[in-house]
PDB file of N, CA and C in Angstrom:
ATOM      1  N   MET A   1      -0.559 -30.617  17.578  1.00  0.00           N
ATOM      2  CA  MET A   1      -0.403 -30.172  16.365  1.00  0.00           C
ATOM      3  C   MET A   1       0.003 -30.368  15.224  1.00  0.00           C
ATOM      4  N   THR A   2      -0.433 -31.129  14.548  1.00  0.00           N
ATOM      5  CA  THR A   2       0.084 -31.693  13.424  1.00  0.00           C
ATOM      6  C   THR A   2       0.921 -30.679  12.585  1.00  0.00           C
ATOM      7  N   THR A   3       1.821 -30.845  11.504  1.00  0.00           N
ATOM      8  CA  THR A   3       2.435 -29.964  11.050  1.00  0.00           C
ATOM      9  C   THR A   3       1.065 -29.172   9.944  1.00  0.00           C
ATOM     10  N   GLU A   4       0.453 -29.953   9.322  1.00  0.00           N
ATOM     11  CA  GLU A   4      -0.502 -29.718   8.363  1.00  0.00           C
ATOM     12  C   GLU A   4      -1.023 -28.322   9.462  1.00  0.00           C
ATOM     13  N   GLU A   5      -2.485 -28.696  10.425  1.00  0.00           N
ATOM     14  CA  GLU A   5      -2.693 -27.553  11.346  1.00  0.00           C
ATOM     15  C   GLU A   5      -1.291 -26.116  11.694  1.00  0.00           C
ATOM     16  N   LYS A   6      -0.325 -26.649  11.643  1.00  0.00           N
ATOM     17  CA  LYS A   6       0.260 -25.679  12.126  1.00  0.00           C
ATOM     18  C   LYS A   6       0.460 -24.747  10.278  1.00  0.00           C
ATOM     19  N   ILE A   7       0.987 -25.126   9.708  1.00  0.00           N
ATOM     20  CA  ILE A   7       1.094 -24.229   8.448  1.00  0.00           C
ATOM     21  C   ILE A   7      -0.727 -23.582   8.284  1.00  0.00           C
ATOM     22  N   ARG A   8      -1.336 -24.096   8.560  1.00  0.00           N
ATOM     23  CA  ARG A   8      -2.694 -23.431   8.244  1.00  0.00           C
ATOM     24  C   ARG A   8      -2.881 -22.552   9.605  1.00  0.00           C
ATOM     25  N   GLN A   9      -2.410 -22.417  10.260  1.00  0.00           N
ATOM     26  CA  GLN A   9      -2.436 -21.499  11.374  1.00  0.00           C
ATOM     27  C   GLN A   9      -1.465 -20.106  10.877  1.00  0.00           C
ATOM     28  N   GLN A  10      -0.475 -20.832  10.024  1.00  0.00           N
ATOM     29  CA  GLN A  10       0.487 -19.248  10.281  1.00  0.00           C
ATOM     30  C   GLN A  10      -0.301 -19.008   9.604  1.00  0.00           C
ATOM     31  N   ILE A  11      -0.494 -19.298   8.062  1.00  0.00           N
ATOM     32  CA  ILE A  11      -1.554 -19.016   6.830  1.00  0.00           C
ATOM     33  C   ILE A  11      -2.403 -17.375   7.230  1.00  0.00           C
ATOM     34  N   SER A  12      -3.528 -18.095   8.100  1.00  0.00           N
ATOM     35  CA  SER A  12      -4.390 -17.478   8.805  1.00  0.00           C
ATOM     36  C   SER A  12      -3.906 -16.578   9.587  1.00  0.00           C
ATOM     37  N   ASP A  13      -2.516 -16.577  10.530  1.00  0.00           N
ATOM     38  CA  ASP A  13      -2.001 -15.696  11.364  1.00  0.00           C
ATOM     39  C   ASP A  13      -2.064 -14.401  10.829  1.00  0.00           C
ATOM     40  N   ASN A  14      -1.236 -14.723   9.622  1.00  0.00           N
ATOM     41  CA  ASN A  14       0.128 -13.665   8.682  1.00  0.00           C
ATOM     42  C   ASN A  14      -0.948 -13.075   7.565  1.00  0.00           C
ATOM     43  N   PRO A  15      -1.310 -11.624   8.229  1.00  0.00           N
ATOM     44  CA  PRO A  15      -1.680 -11.281   6.564  1.00  0.00           C
ATOM     45  C   PRO A  15      -1.140 -11.594   5.355  1.00  0.00           C
ATOM     46  N   VAL A  16       0.073 -11.908   5.301  1.00  0.00           N
ATOM     47  CA  VAL A  16       1.246 -12.218   4.560  1.00  0.00           C
ATOM     48  C   VAL A  16       2.020 -12.675   4.887  1.00  0.00           C
ATOM     49  N   LEU A  17       2.369 -13.638   3.906  1.00  0.00           N
ATOM     50  CA  LEU A  17       3.161 -15.007   4.326  1.00  0.00           C
ATOM     51  C   LEU A  17       3.884 -15.335   3.328  1.00  0.00           C
ATOM     52  N   ILE A  18       5.492 -15.710   3.393  1.00  0.00           N
ATOM     53  CA  ILE A  18       6.198 -16.186   2.560  1.00  0.00           C
ATOM     54  C   ILE A  18       6.895 -17.393   3.301  1.00  0.00           C
ATOM     55  N   TYR A  19       6.823 -18.530   2.413  1.00  0.00           N
ATOM     56  CA  TYR A  19       7.231 -19.640   2.549  1.00  0.00           C
ATOM     57  C   TYR A  19       8.459 -19.505   1.922  1.00  0.00           C
ATOM     58  N   MET A  20      10.088 -19.480   2.640  1.00  0.00           N
ATOM     59  CA  MET A  20      10.965 -19.004   1.222  1.00  0.00           C
ATOM     60  C   MET A  20      12.170 -20.430   2.175  1.00  0.00           C
ATOM     61  N   LYS A  21      13.541 -19.990   1.141  1.00  0.00           N
ATOM     62  CA  LYS A  21      14.792 -20.932   1.396  1.00  0.00           C
ATOM     63  C   LYS A  21      15.193 -19.870   1.815  1.00  0.00           C
ATOM     64  N   GLY A  22      15.813 -19.876   3.574  1.00  0.00           N
ATOM     65  CA  GLY A  22      16.439 -18.627   4.076  1.00  0.00           C
ATOM     66  C   GLY A  22      15.831 -17.507   4.458  1.00  0.00           C
ATOM     67  N   THR A  23      16.401 -16.459   4.847  1.00  0.00           N
ATOM     68  CA  THR A  23      15.548 -15.419   5.680  1.00  0.00           C
ATOM     69  C   THR A  23      15.614 -13.969   4.133  1.00  0.00           C
ATOM     70  N   PRO A  24      14.909 -12.783   4.765  1.00  0.00           N
ATOM     71  CA  PRO A  24      14.568 -12.004   3.814  1.00  0.00           C
ATOM     72  C   PRO A  24      16.161 -11.283   3.903  1.00  0.00           C
ATOM     73  N   GLU A  25      17.318 -11.087   4.642  1.00  0.00           N
ATOM     74  CA  GLU A  25      18.048 -10.731   5.213  1.00  0.00           C
ATOM     75  C   GLU A  25      19.036 -11.753   4.126  1.00  0.00           C
ATOM     76  N   LYS A  26      18.871 -12.823   4.300  1.00  0.00           N
ATOM     77  CA  LYS A  26      19.743 -13.670   3.553  1.00  0.00           C
ATOM     78  C   LYS A  26      19.219 -14.794   2.915  1.00  0.00           C
ATOM     79  N   PRO A  27      18.405 -14.572   2.035  1.00  0.00           N
ATOM     80  CA  PRO A  27      17.757 -15.787   1.133  1.00  0.00           C
ATOM     81  C   PRO A  27      18.687 -17.079   0.596  1.00  0.00           C
ATOM     82  N   GLU A  28      18.649 -18.047   0.834  1.00  0.00           N
ATOM     83  CA  GLU A  28      19.326 -19.118   0.051  1.00  0.00           C
ATOM     84  C   GLU A  28      18.943 -19.685  -1.215  1.00  0.00           C
ATOM     85  N   CYS A  29      18.169 -18.759  -2.023  1.00  0.00           N
ATOM     86  CA  CYS A  29      17.851 -19.792  -3.426  1.00  0.00           C
ATOM     87  C   CYS A  29      17.242 -18.243  -4.229  1.00  0.00           C
ATOM     88  N   GLY A  30      17.985 -17.648  -5.595  1.00  0.00           N
ATOM     89  CA  GLY A  30      17.598 -16.656  -5.672  1.00  0.00           C
ATOM     90  C   GLY A  30      15.687 -16.368  -6.349  1.00  0.00           C
ATOM     91  N   PHE A  31      14.982 -17.277  -6.509  1.00  0.00           N
ATOM     92  CA  PHE A  31      13.690 -16.652  -6.538  1.00  0.00           C
ATOM     93  C   PHE A  31      13.113 -16.528  -5.251  1.00  0.00           C
ATOM     94  N   SER A  32      13.564 -16.804  -3.960  1.00  0.00           N
ATOM     95  CA  SER A  32      13.102 -16.399  -2.789  1.00  0.00           C
ATOM     96  C   SER A  32      13.771 -15.096  -2.688  1.00  0.00           C
ATOM     97  N   ALA A  33      14.707 -14.765  -3.164  1.00  0.00           N
ATOM     98  CA  ALA A  33      15.391 -13.076  -2.999  1.00  0.00           C
ATOM     99  C   ALA A  33      14.521 -12.661  -3.691  1.00  0.00           C
ATOM    100  N   ARG A  34      14.205 -12.805  -4.968  1.00  0.00           N
ATOM    101  CA  ARG A  34      12.892 -12.075  -5.806  1.00  0.00           C
ATOM    102  C   ARG A  34      12.451 -11.590  -5.135  1.00  0.00           C
ATOM    103  N   ALA A  35      11.540 -12.954  -4.736  1.00  0.00           N
ATOM    104  CA  ALA A  35       9.877 -12.572  -3.816  1.00  0.00           C
ATOM    105  C   ALA A  35       9.869 -11.785  -2.830  1.00  0.00           C
ATOM    106  N   ALA A  36      11.462 -12.046  -1.990  1.00  0.00           N
ATOM    107  CA  ALA A  36      11.209 -11.052  -0.875  1.00  0.00           C
ATOM    108  C   ALA A  36      11.680  -9.818  -0.612  1.00  0.00           C
ATOM    109  N   GLN A  37      12.335  -9.614  -2.049  1.00  0.00           N
ATOM    110  CA  GLN A  37      12.582  -8.423  -2.169  1.00  0.00           C
ATOM    111  C   GLN A  37      11.342  -7.740  -2.851  1.00  0.00           C
ATOM    112  N   ILE A  38      10.503  -8.307  -3.781  1.00  0.00           N
ATOM    113  CA  ILE A  38       9.389  -7.401  -3.973  1.00  0.00           C
ATOM    114  C   ILE A  38       8.432  -7.339  -3.133  1.00  0.00           C
ATOM    115  N   LEU A  39       8.343  -7.852  -2.122  1.00  0.00           N
ATOM    116  CA  LEU A  39       7.695  -7.736  -1.108  1.00  0.00           C
ATOM    117  C   LEU A  39       8.194  -6.550  -0.051  1.00  0.00           C
ATOM    118  N   THR A  40       9.847  -6.986  -0.083  1.00  0.00           N
ATOM    119  CA  THR A  40      10.432  -5.554   0.953  1.00  0.00           C
ATOM    120  C   THR A  40       9.918  -4.393   0.198  1.00  0.00           C
ATOM    121  N   ASP A  41      10.337  -4.195  -0.850  1.00  0.00           N
ATOM    122  CA  ASP A  41      10.086  -3.262  -1.737  1.00  0.00           C
ATOM    123  C   ASP A  41       8.745  -2.343  -1.308  1.00  0.00           C
ATOM    124  N   THR A  42       7.920  -2.956  -1.119  1.00  0.00           N
ATOM    125  CA  THR A  42       6.165  -2.623  -1.032  1.00  0.00           C
ATOM    126  C   THR A  42       6.257  -1.960   0.295  1.00  0.00           C
ATOM    127  N   GLY A  43       6.922  -1.896   1.169  1.00  0.00           N
ATOM    128  CA  GLY A  43       6.482  -1.790   2.465  1.00  0.00           C
ATOM    129  C   GLY A  43       5.994  -1.864   3.551  1.00  0.00           C
ATOM    130  N   ILE A  44       5.001  -2.828   2.924  1.00  0.00           N
ATOM    131  CA  ILE A  44       4.040  -3.462   3.790  1.00  0.00           C
ATOM    132  C   ILE A  44       4.968  -4.764   5.008  1.00  0.00           C
ATOM    133  N   ASP A  45       4.634  -4.807   6.113  1.00  0.00           N
ATOM    134  CA  ASP A  45       5.135  -5.920   6.297  1.00  0.00           C
ATOM    135  C   ASP A  45       4.932  -7.178   6.255  1.00  0.00           C
ATOM    136  N   TYR A  46       5.599  -8.104   6.240  1.00  0.00           N
ATOM    137  CA  TYR A  46       5.034  -9.735   5.785  1.00  0.00           C
ATOM    138  C   TYR A  46       6.154 -10.736   6.913  1.00  0.00           C
ATOM    139  N   ALA A  47       5.044 -11.687   7.047  1.00  0.00           N
ATOM    140  CA  ALA A  47       6.277 -12.861   8.133  1.00  0.00           C
ATOM    141  C   ALA A  47       6.537 -13.412   7.003  1.00  0.00           C
ATOM    142  N   PHE A  48       8.022 -14.349   7.452  1.00  0.00           N
ATOM    143  CA  PHE A  48       7.753 -15.712   6.084  1.00  0.00           C
ATOM    144  C   PHE A  48       8.256 -16.920   7.421  1.00  0.00           C
ATOM    145  N   VAL A  49       8.706 -17.941   6.793  1.00  0.00           N
ATOM    146  CA  VAL A  49       8.619 -19.197   7.222  1.00  0.00           C
ATOM    147  C   VAL A  49      10.413 -19.103   6.825  1.00  0.00           C
ATOM    148  N   ASN A  50      11.350 -19.527   7.014  1.00  0.00           N
ATOM    149  CA  ASN A  50      12.270 -20.552   6.493  1.00  0.00           C
ATOM    150  C   ASN A  50      11.984 -22.498   6.458  1.00  0.00           C
ATOM    151  N   VAL A  51      11.895 -22.712   5.279  1.00  0.00           N
ATOM    152  CA  VAL A  51      11.389 -23.838   5.355  1.00  0.00           C
ATOM    153  C   VAL A  51      12.832 -24.602   5.278  1.00  0.00           C
ATOM    154  N   LEU A  52      13.745 -24.203   5.179  1.00  0.00           N
ATOM    155  CA  LEU A  52      14.958 -25.313   5.312  1.00  0.00           C
ATOM    156  C   LEU A  52      15.717 -25.435   6.349  1.00  0.00           C
ATOM    157  N   GLN A  53      15.023 -23.935   7.664  1.00  0.00           N
ATOM    158  CA  GLN A  53      14.900 -24.553   8.888  1.00  0.00           C
ATOM    159  C   GLN A  53      13.835 -25.646   9.320  1.00  0.00           C
ATOM    160  N   SER A  54      12.940 -25.366   8.860  1.00  0.00           N
ATOM    161  CA  SER A  54      11.527 -26.286   9.322  1.00  0.00           C
ATOM    162  C   SER A  54      11.353 -27.342   8.348  1.00  0.00           C
ATOM    163  N   PRO A  55      12.041 -28.261   8.322  1.00  0.00           N
ATOM    164  CA  PRO A  55      11.995 -29.225   7.263  1.00  0.00           C
ATOM    165  C   PRO A  55      10.547 -29.953   7.324  1.00  0.00           C
ATOM    166  N   PHE A  56      10.007 -30.310   8.545  1.00  0.00           N
ATOM    167  CA  PHE A  56       8.487 -30.986   8.043  1.00  0.00           C
ATOM    168  C   PHE A  56       7.366 -29.879   7.640  1.00  0.00           C
ATOM    169  N   ILE A  57       7.227 -28.470   8.186  1.00  0.00           N
ATOM    170  CA  ILE A  57       7.057 -27.563   6.841  1.00  0.00           C
ATOM    171  C   ILE A  57       7.374 -27.762   5.446  1.00  0.00           C
ATOM    172  N   TYR A  58       8.680 -27.695   5.355  1.00  0.00           N
ATOM    173  CA  TYR A  58       9.119 -27.871   3.823  1.00  0.00           C
ATOM    174  C   TYR A  58       8.856 -29.206   3.430  1.00  0.00           C
ATOM    175  N   GLU A  59       8.387 -30.153   3.776  1.00  0.00           N
ATOM    176  CA  GLU A  59       8.015 -31.340   3.201  1.00  0.00           C
ATOM    177  C   GLU A  59       6.354 -31.250   3.006  1.00  0.00           C
ATOM    178  N   ARG A  60       5.667 -30.867   3.949  1.00  0.00           N
ATOM    179  CA  ARG A  60       3.858 -30.892   3.832  1.00  0.00           C
ATOM    180  C   ARG A  60       3.293 -29.704   3.307  1.00  0.00           C
ATOM    181  N   LEU A  61       4.411 -28.472   3.328  1.00  0.00           N
ATOM    182  CA  LEU A  61       3.488 -27.614   2.587  1.00  0.00           C
ATOM    183  C   LEU A  61       2.928 -27.842   1.594  1.00  0.00           C
ATOM    184  N   PRO A  62       3.774 -27.898   0.065  1.00  0.00           N
ATOM    185  CA  PRO A  62       3.103 -28.845  -1.365  1.00  0.00           C
ATOM    186  C   PRO A  62       2.134 -28.974  -0.932  1.00  0.00           C
ATOM    187  N   ALA A  63       1.972 -30.423  -0.136  1.00  0.00           N
ATOM    188  CA  ALA A  63       0.557 -31.075  -0.169  1.00  0.00           C
ATOM    189  C   ALA A  63      -0.326 -30.112   0.308  1.00  0.00           C
ATOM    190  N   VAL A  64      -0.467 -29.288   1.158  1.00  0.00           N
ATOM    191  CA  VAL A  64      -1.461 -28.345   1.579  1.00  0.00           C
ATOM    192  C   VAL A  64      -1.932 -27.513   1.157  1.00  0.00           C
ATOM    193  N   SER A  65      -1.033 -26.619  -0.198  1.00  0.00           N
ATOM    194  CA  SER A  65      -0.926 -25.931  -0.709  1.00  0.00           C
ATOM    195  C   SER A  65      -1.422 -25.655  -2.517  1.00  0.00           C
ATOM    196  N   GLN A  66      -0.987 -27.219  -2.413  1.00  0.00           N
ATOM    197  CA  GLN A  66      -0.814 -27.534  -3.922  1.00  0.00           C
ATOM    198  C   GLN A  66      -0.383 -27.142  -4.797  1.00  0.00           C
ATOM    199  N   PHE A  67       0.746 -26.752  -4.276  1.00  0.00           N
ATOM    200  CA  PHE A  67       1.944 -25.871  -5.036  1.00  0.00           C
ATOM    201  C   PHE A  67       3.426 -26.211  -5.128  1.00  0.00           C
ATOM    202  N   PRO A  68       4.151 -26.683  -6.083  1.00  0.00           N
ATOM    203  CA  PRO A  68       5.189 -27.717  -5.429  1.00  0.00           C
ATOM    204  C   PRO A  68       6.267 -27.251  -5.178  1.00  0.00           C
ATOM    205  N   THR A  69       6.416 -25.564  -5.695  1.00  0.00           N
ATOM    206  CA  THR A  69       7.892 -25.116  -5.375  1.00  0.00           C
ATOM    207  C   THR A  69       7.561 -23.914  -4.563  1.00  0.00           C
ATOM    208  N   TYR A  70       9.263 -23.124  -4.248  1.00  0.00           N
ATOM    209  CA  TYR A  70       9.101 -22.430  -3.049  1.00  0.00           C
ATOM    210  C   TYR A  70       9.725 -21.638  -4.077  1.00  0.00           C
ATOM    211  N   PRO A  71       9.787 -20.310  -3.306  1.00  0.00           N
ATOM    212  CA  PRO A  71       8.729 -19.855  -2.466  1.00  0.00           C
ATOM    213  C   PRO A  71       7.244 -19.671  -3.090  1.00  0.00           C
ATOM    214  N   GLN A  72       6.767 -19.808  -1.593  1.00  0.00           N
ATOM    215  CA  GLN A  72       5.044 -19.574  -1.663  1.00  0.00           C
ATOM    216  C   GLN A  72       4.753 -18.501  -1.012  1.00  0.00           C
ATOM    217  N   VAL A  73       3.973 -17.577  -2.110  1.00  0.00           N
ATOM    218  CA  VAL A  73       3.773 -16.513  -1.063  1.00  0.00           C
ATOM    219  C   VAL A  73       1.675 -16.622  -1.161  1.00  0.00           C
ATOM    220  N   PHE A  74       1.688 -15.975   0.458  1.00  0.00           N
ATOM    221  CA  PHE A  74      -0.201 -16.519   0.766  1.00  0.00           C
ATOM    222  C   PHE A  74      -0.313 -14.532   1.071  1.00  0.00           C
ATOM    223  N   ILE A  75      -1.515 -14.680   0.710  1.00  0.00           N
ATOM    224  CA  ILE A  75      -1.772 -12.812   1.154  1.00  0.00           C
ATOM    225  C   ILE A  75      -3.267 -13.063   1.467  1.00  0.00           C
ATOM    226  N   GLY A  76      -3.370 -12.653   2.701  1.00  0.00           N
ATOM    227  CA  GLY A  76      -4.678 -13.117   2.553  1.00  0.00           C
ATOM    228  C   GLY A  76      -5.461 -14.431   3.305  1.00  0.00           C
ATOM    229  N   GLY A  77      -4.668 -15.394   3.421  1.00  0.00           N
ATOM    230  CA  GLY A  77      -4.920 -16.705   3.654  1.00  0.00           C
ATOM    231  C   GLY A  77      -4.890 -17.287   2.297  1.00  0.00           C
ATOM    232  N   GLU A  78      -4.918 -16.690   0.979  1.00  0.00           N
ATOM    233  CA  GLU A  78      -5.008 -17.672  -0.275  1.00  0.00           C
ATOM    234  C   GLU A  78      -3.305 -17.879  -0.986  1.00  0.00           C
ATOM    235  N   LEU A  79      -2.755 -18.451  -1.518  1.00  0.00           N
ATOM    236  CA  LEU A  79      -1.945 -18.762  -2.069  1.00  0.00           C
ATOM    237  C   LEU A  79      -1.762 -17.749  -3.399  1.00  0.00           C
ATOM    238  N   ILE A  80      -1.115 -17.233  -3.332  1.00  0.00           N
ATOM    239  CA  ILE A  80      -1.130 -16.200  -4.823  1.00  0.00           C
ATOM    240  C   ILE A  80       0.191 -16.725  -5.606  1.00  0.00           C
ATOM    241  N   GLY A  81       1.039 -17.514  -5.246  1.00  0.00           N
ATOM    242  CA  GLY A  81       2.600 -18.033  -6.003  1.00  0.00           C
ATOM    243  C   GLY A  81       3.506 -17.947  -5.439  1.00  0.00           C
ATOM    244  N   GLY A  82       4.265 -18.349  -6.506  1.00  0.00           N
ATOM    245  CA  GLY A  82       5.730 -17.707  -6.320  1.00  0.00           C
ATOM    246  C   GLY A  82       6.327 -16.409  -6.842  1.00  0.00           C
ATOM    247  N   SER A  83       7.603 -16.326  -7.200  1.00  0.00           N
ATOM    248  CA  SER A  83       8.419 -14.951  -7.684  1.00  0.00           C
ATOM    249  C   SER A  83       7.840 -14.819  -8.814  1.00  0.00           C
ATOM    250  N   ASP A  84       7.597 -15.411  -9.752  1.00  0.00           N
ATOM    251  CA  ASP A  84       7.299 -15.343 -11.282  1.00  0.00           C
ATOM    252  C   ASP A  84       6.089 -14.591 -10.916  1.00  0.00           C
ATOM    253  N   ILE A  85       5.314 -14.947 -10.480  1.00  0.00           N
ATOM    254  CA  ILE A  85       3.931 -14.570 -10.453  1.00  0.00           C
ATOM    255  C   ILE A  85       3.329 -13.173  -9.231  1.00  0.00           C
ATOM    256  N   VAL A  86       4.197 -13.265  -8.199  1.00  0.00           N
ATOM    257  CA  VAL A  86       4.337 -11.989  -7.665  1.00  0.00           C
ATOM    258  C   VAL A  86       5.177 -10.892  -8.324  1.00  0.00           C
ATOM    259  N   ALA A  87       6.233 -11.038  -8.972  1.00  0.00           N
ATOM    260  CA  ALA A  87       6.785  -9.700 -10.101  1.00  0.00           C
ATOM    261  C   ALA A  87       5.844  -9.526 -10.847  1.00  0.00           C
ATOM    262  N   GLU A  88       5.108 -10.560 -11.810  1.00  0.00           N
ATOM    263  CA  GLU A  88       3.717 -10.276 -12.627  1.00  0.00           C
ATOM    264  C   GLU A  88       2.675  -9.326 -12.096  1.00  0.00           C
ATOM    265  N   LEU A  89       2.463  -9.382 -10.222  1.00  0.00           N
ATOM    266  CA  LEU A  89       1.388  -8.693 -10.001  1.00  0.00           C
ATOM    267  C   LEU A  89       1.980  -7.258  -9.289  1.00  0.00           C
ATOM    268  N   MET A  90       3.159  -7.547  -9.196  1.00  0.00           N
ATOM    269  CA  MET A  90       3.780  -5.908  -8.630  1.00  0.00           C
ATOM    270  C   MET A  90       3.884  -5.284  -9.586  1.00  0.00           C
ATOM    271  N   GLU A  91       4.287  -5.551 -11.090  1.00  0.00           N
ATOM    272  CA  GLU A  91       4.487  -5.050 -12.626  1.00  0.00           C
ATOM    273  C   GLU A  91       3.124  -4.587 -13.097  1.00  0.00           C
ATOM    274  N   SER A  92       2.275  -4.840 -12.474  1.00  0.00           N
ATOM    275  CA  SER A  92       0.672  -4.814 -13.100  1.00  0.00           C
ATOM    276  C   SER A  92      -0.318  -3.742 -11.780  1.00  0.00           C
ATOM    277  N   GLY A  93       0.383  -3.561 -10.672  1.00  0.00           N
ATOM    278  CA  GLY A  93       0.270  -2.972  -9.484  1.00  0.00           C
ATOM    279  C   GLY A  93      -1.048  -3.517  -8.685  1.00  0.00           C
ATOM    280  N   GLU A  94      -1.456  -4.702  -9.058  1.00  0.00           N
ATOM    281  CA  GLU A  94      -2.148  -5.737  -8.277  1.00  0.00           C
ATOM    282  C   GLU A  94      -1.806  -6.070  -7.377  1.00  0.00           C
ATOM    283  N   LEU A  95      -0.397  -5.929  -6.795  1.00  0.00           N
ATOM    284  CA  LEU A  95       0.238  -6.515  -5.382  1.00  0.00           C
ATOM    285  C   LEU A  95      -0.032  -5.909  -4.524  1.00  0.00           C
ATOM    286  N   MET A  96       0.287  -4.739  -4.880  1.00  0.00           N
ATOM    287  CA  MET A  96      -0.043  -3.482  -3.533  1.00  0.00           C
ATOM    288  C   MET A  96      -1.226  -3.476  -3.046  1.00  0.00           C
ATOM    289  N   ASP A  97      -2.366  -3.605  -4.168  1.00  0.00           N
ATOM    290  CA  ASP A  97      -4.047  -3.788  -3.581  1.00  0.00           C
ATOM    291  C   ASP A  97      -4.452  -4.801  -2.738  1.00  0.00           C
ATOM    292  N   MET A  98      -3.498  -5.915  -3.525  1.00  0.00           N
ATOM    293  CA  MET A  98      -3.677  -7.354  -2.484  1.00  0.00           C
ATOM    294  C   MET A  98      -3.395  -7.384  -1.063  1.00  0.00           C
ATOM    295  N   LEU A  99      -2.153  -6.145  -1.290  1.00  0.00           N
ATOM    296  CA  LEU A  99      -1.288  -6.460   0.321  1.00  0.00           C
ATOM    297  C   LEU A  99      -2.056  -5.410   1.045  1.00  0.00           C
ATOM    298  N   GLN A 100      -2.587  -4.384   0.492  1.00  0.00           N
ATOM    299  CA  GLN A 100      -3.026  -3.706   1.129  1.00  0.00           C
ATOM    300  C   GLN A 100      -4.834  -3.882   2.049  1.00  0.00           C
ATOM    301  N   ALA A 101      -5.185  -4.834   1.033  1.00  0.00           N
ATOM    302  CA  ALA A 101      -6.339  -5.081   1.315  1.00  0.00           C
ATOM    303  C   ALA A 101      -6.716  -6.324   2.181  1.00  0.00           C
ATOM    304  N   ALA A 102      -5.411  -7.271   2.232  1.00  0.00           N
ATOM    305  CA  ALA A 102      -5.254  -8.281   3.426  1.00  0.00           C
ATOM    306  C   ALA A 102      -4.669  -7.600   4.862  1.00  0.00           C
ATOM    307  N   LYS A 103      -3.963  -6.757   4.526  1.00  0.00           N
ATOM    308  CA  LYS A 103      -3.821  -6.258   6.012  1.00  0.00           C
ATOM    309  C   LYS A 103      -5.025  -5.214   6.539  1.00  0.00           C
ATOM    310  N   ALA A 104      -5.603  -4.690   6.052  1.00  0.00           N
ATOM    311  CA  ALA A 104      -7.001  -3.997   6.386  1.00  0.00           C
ATOM    312  C   ALA A 104      -7.743  -4.580   6.954  1.00  0.00           C
ATOM    313  N   ALA A 105      -7.971  -6.379   5.972  1.00  0.00           N
ATOM    314  CA  ALA A 105      -8.847  -7.072   6.450  1.00  0.00           C
ATOM    315  C   ALA A 105      -8.472  -7.702   8.150  1.00  0.00           C
ATOM    316  N   LYS A 106      -7.602  -7.826   8.095  1.00  0.00           N
ATOM    317  CA  LYS A 106      -6.713  -8.386   9.444  1.00  0.00           C
ATOM    318  C   LYS A 106      -6.904  -7.302  10.564  1.00  0.00           C
ATOM    319  N   ALA A 107      -6.552  -5.946  10.032  1.00  0.00           N
ATOM    320  CA  ALA A 107      -7.084  -4.783  11.030  1.00  0.00           C
ATOM    321  C   ALA A 107      -8.295  -5.001  11.392  1.00  0.00           C
ATOM    322  N   ALA A 108      -9.440  -5.089  11.096  1.00  0.00           N
ATOM    323  CA  ALA A 108     -10.790  -5.045  10.622  1.00  0.00           C
ATOM    324  C   ALA A 108     -11.456  -6.072  11.944  1.00  0.00           C
ATOM    325  N   ALA A 109     -10.554  -7.327  11.811  1.00  0.00           N
ATOM    326  CA  ALA A 109     -10.766  -8.366  12.793  1.00  0.00           C
ATOM    327  C   ALA A 109     -10.619  -8.424  13.906  1.00  0.00           C
ATOM    328  N   ALA A 110      -9.061  -7.544  13.830  1.00  0.00           N
ATOM    329  CA  ALA A 110      -8.755  -7.770  15.633  1.00  0.00           C
ATOM    330  C   ALA A 110      -9.518  -6.558  16.096  1.00  0.00           C
ATOM    331  N   SER A 111      -9.816  -5.658  15.613  1.00  0.00           N
ATOM    332  CA  SER A 111     -11.108  -4.490  16.595  1.00  0.00           C
ATOM    333  C   SER A 111     -12.303  -5.403  16.555  1.00  0.00           C
TER     334      SER A 111
END
């Protein structure tokens, strides 16, 4: 499996996924910390990939997503953006709707 195939599989397998520097418990960048905290605050489960521990993903993800920076948040298989966009969506109330829809779609696909 190529790195690009692995990235695409991670995105499709996880209804909510953040590629970040560090982990939600120990973020290694302020932007990653902010995005992970917002996702944590929603109470919706999410997966994460520490790109600092995955150098091939760190290198290839921007080409796959067409988004140059980290963190990168994917909901329902779609790139949402980084910490600023996630914060804006949280403030507007759209983030919870997106998260709940992705979680419901994944559950429906599994049954």
